[in-house]
């Protein structure tokens, strides 16, 4: 976990709309992470939830192959959109939302 605290995303320069509050301003700025940073977040924050995601997917589909496919799709999407994940927030809830949306 200590390594995650050392990650300092590089902000991309550009013209972004002015936000009224600090939270909106943080989401208006694009953040780019290096591959190493993405891999570290993925391994430490996302992979520990693999079993819980599989159980949830199985209870949605009641089929082992479909459950495996849903979990695989969830992890692919989570890695693809890892820049929109805020380190230190509820990774499990974020992953479950991705899985649920993939199932729908």
Protein backbone atom coordinates (compact mmCIF):
# COMPACT_ATOMS: atom_id res chain seq x y z
CA UNK A 1 0.00 0.00 0.00
CA UNK A 2 2.90 2.36 0.66
CA UNK A 3 3.85 2.32 -3.00
CA UNK A 4 0.39 3.61 -3.96
CA UNK A 5 0.88 6.71 -1.83
CA UNK A 6 4.03 7.52 -3.81
CA UNK A 7 2.12 7.73 -7.09
CA UNK A 8 1.90 11.30 -8.24
CA UNK A 9 -0.10 11.50 -11.48
CA UNK A 10 1.11 13.87 -14.14
CA UNK A 11 -1.54 16.38 -15.16
CA UNK A 12 -1.95 16.96 -18.85
CA UNK A 13 -1.93 20.57 -19.93
CA UNK A 14 -4.92 22.00 -21.75
CA UNK A 15 -7.93 24.23 -21.55
CA UNK A 16 -10.42 22.78 -19.12
CA UNK A 17 -13.68 24.34 -17.98
CA UNK A 18 -13.52 26.13 -14.65
CA UNK A 19 -15.20 24.16 -11.90
CA UNK A 20 -17.16 25.63 -9.02
CA UNK A 21 -15.69 23.35 -6.40
CA UNK A 22 -12.49 21.42 -5.87
CA UNK A 23 -14.03 17.98 -6.51
CA UNK A 24 -15.36 19.00 -9.90
CA UNK A 25 -12.01 20.59 -10.73
CA UNK A 26 -10.21 17.33 -9.96
CA UNK A 27 -12.42 15.41 -12.37
CA UNK A 28 -12.03 18.03 -15.10
CA UNK A 29 -8.26 17.46 -15.31
CA UNK A 30 -7.08 14.40 -17.20
CA UNK A 31 -4.60 12.27 -15.29
CA UNK A 32 -2.09 10.02 -16.99
CA UNK A 33 -0.45 7.15 -15.16
CA UNK A 34 2.59 5.20 -16.25
CA UNK A 35 2.24 1.50 -17.03
CA UNK A 36 4.06 0.68 -13.79
CA UNK A 37 1.63 2.80 -11.77
CA UNK A 38 -1.36 1.22 -13.52
CA UNK A 39 -0.01 -2.28 -12.88
CA UNK A 40 0.61 -1.48 -9.22
CA UNK A 41 -2.92 -0.14 -8.71
CA UNK A 42 -4.39 -3.11 -10.59
CA UNK A 43 -2.47 -5.68 -8.55
CA UNK A 44 -2.93 -4.07 -5.14
CA UNK A 45 -6.43 -2.62 -5.38
CA UNK A 46 -8.31 -4.71 -7.96
CA UNK A 47 -6.97 -8.29 -7.97
CA UNK A 48 -7.78 -8.97 -4.29
CA UNK A 49 -11.48 -8.77 -5.24
CA UNK A 50 -11.29 -11.51 -7.90
CA UNK A 51 -13.12 -14.16 -5.87
CA UNK A 52 -15.89 -11.80 -4.72
CA UNK A 53 -16.42 -10.64 -8.31
CA UNK A 54 -16.63 -14.23 -9.54
CA UNK A 55 -19.21 -15.09 -6.86
CA UNK A 56 -21.31 -12.07 -7.78
CA UNK A 57 -21.04 -12.85 -11.51
CA UNK A 58 -22.04 -16.47 -10.89
CA UNK A 59 -25.11 -15.38 -8.94
CA UNK A 60 -26.10 -13.09 -11.78
CA UNK A 61 -25.64 -15.62 -14.58
CA UNK A 62 -25.81 -19.05 -12.85
CA UNK A 63 -23.28 -20.28 -15.40
CA UNK A 64 -19.56 -20.80 -14.77
CA UNK A 65 -18.43 -19.80 -18.27
CA UNK A 66 -20.54 -16.65 -18.31
CA UNK A 67 -19.31 -15.76 -14.82
CA UNK A 68 -15.68 -16.16 -15.95
CA UNK A 69 -16.37 -14.03 -19.03
CA UNK A 70 -17.99 -11.30 -16.92
CA UNK A 71 -15.05 -11.20 -14.52
CA UNK A 72 -12.58 -11.10 -17.40
CA UNK A 73 -14.50 -8.26 -19.06
CA UNK A 74 -14.65 -6.41 -15.74
CA UNK A 75 -10.88 -6.59 -15.27
CA UNK A 76 -10.22 -5.57 -18.87
CA UNK A 77 -12.48 -2.52 -18.49
CA UNK A 78 -11.04 -1.64 -15.09
CA UNK A 79 -7.52 -1.62 -16.52
CA UNK A 80 -8.58 0.31 -19.61
CA UNK A 81 -10.28 3.02 -17.54
CA UNK A 82 -7.91 2.93 -14.57
CA UNK A 83 -7.20 6.67 -15.00
CA UNK A 84 -10.77 7.42 -13.89
CA UNK A 85 -10.30 5.42 -10.66
CA UNK A 86 -9.30 7.46 -7.62
CA UNK A 87 -6.65 5.64 -5.58
CA UNK A 88 -7.76 4.97 -2.03
CA UNK A 89 -11.49 4.94 -2.78
CA UNK A 90 -13.70 1.86 -2.71
CA UNK A 91 -12.20 -0.30 -5.46
CA UNK A 92 -14.58 -3.16 -4.73
CA UNK A 93 -17.66 -1.01 -5.29
CA UNK A 94 -16.14 0.39 -8.50
CA UNK A 95 -15.43 -3.10 -9.83
CA UNK A 96 -18.88 -4.41 -8.87
CA UNK A 97 -20.49 -1.50 -10.73
CA UNK A 98 -18.45 -2.32 -13.85
CA UNK A 99 -19.44 -5.99 -13.59
CA UNK A 100 -23.11 -5.19 -13.10
CA UNK A 101 -23.12 -2.84 -16.09
CA UNK A 102 -21.36 -5.48 -18.22
CA UNK A 103 -24.03 -8.00 -17.26
CA UNK A 104 -26.85 -5.66 -18.23
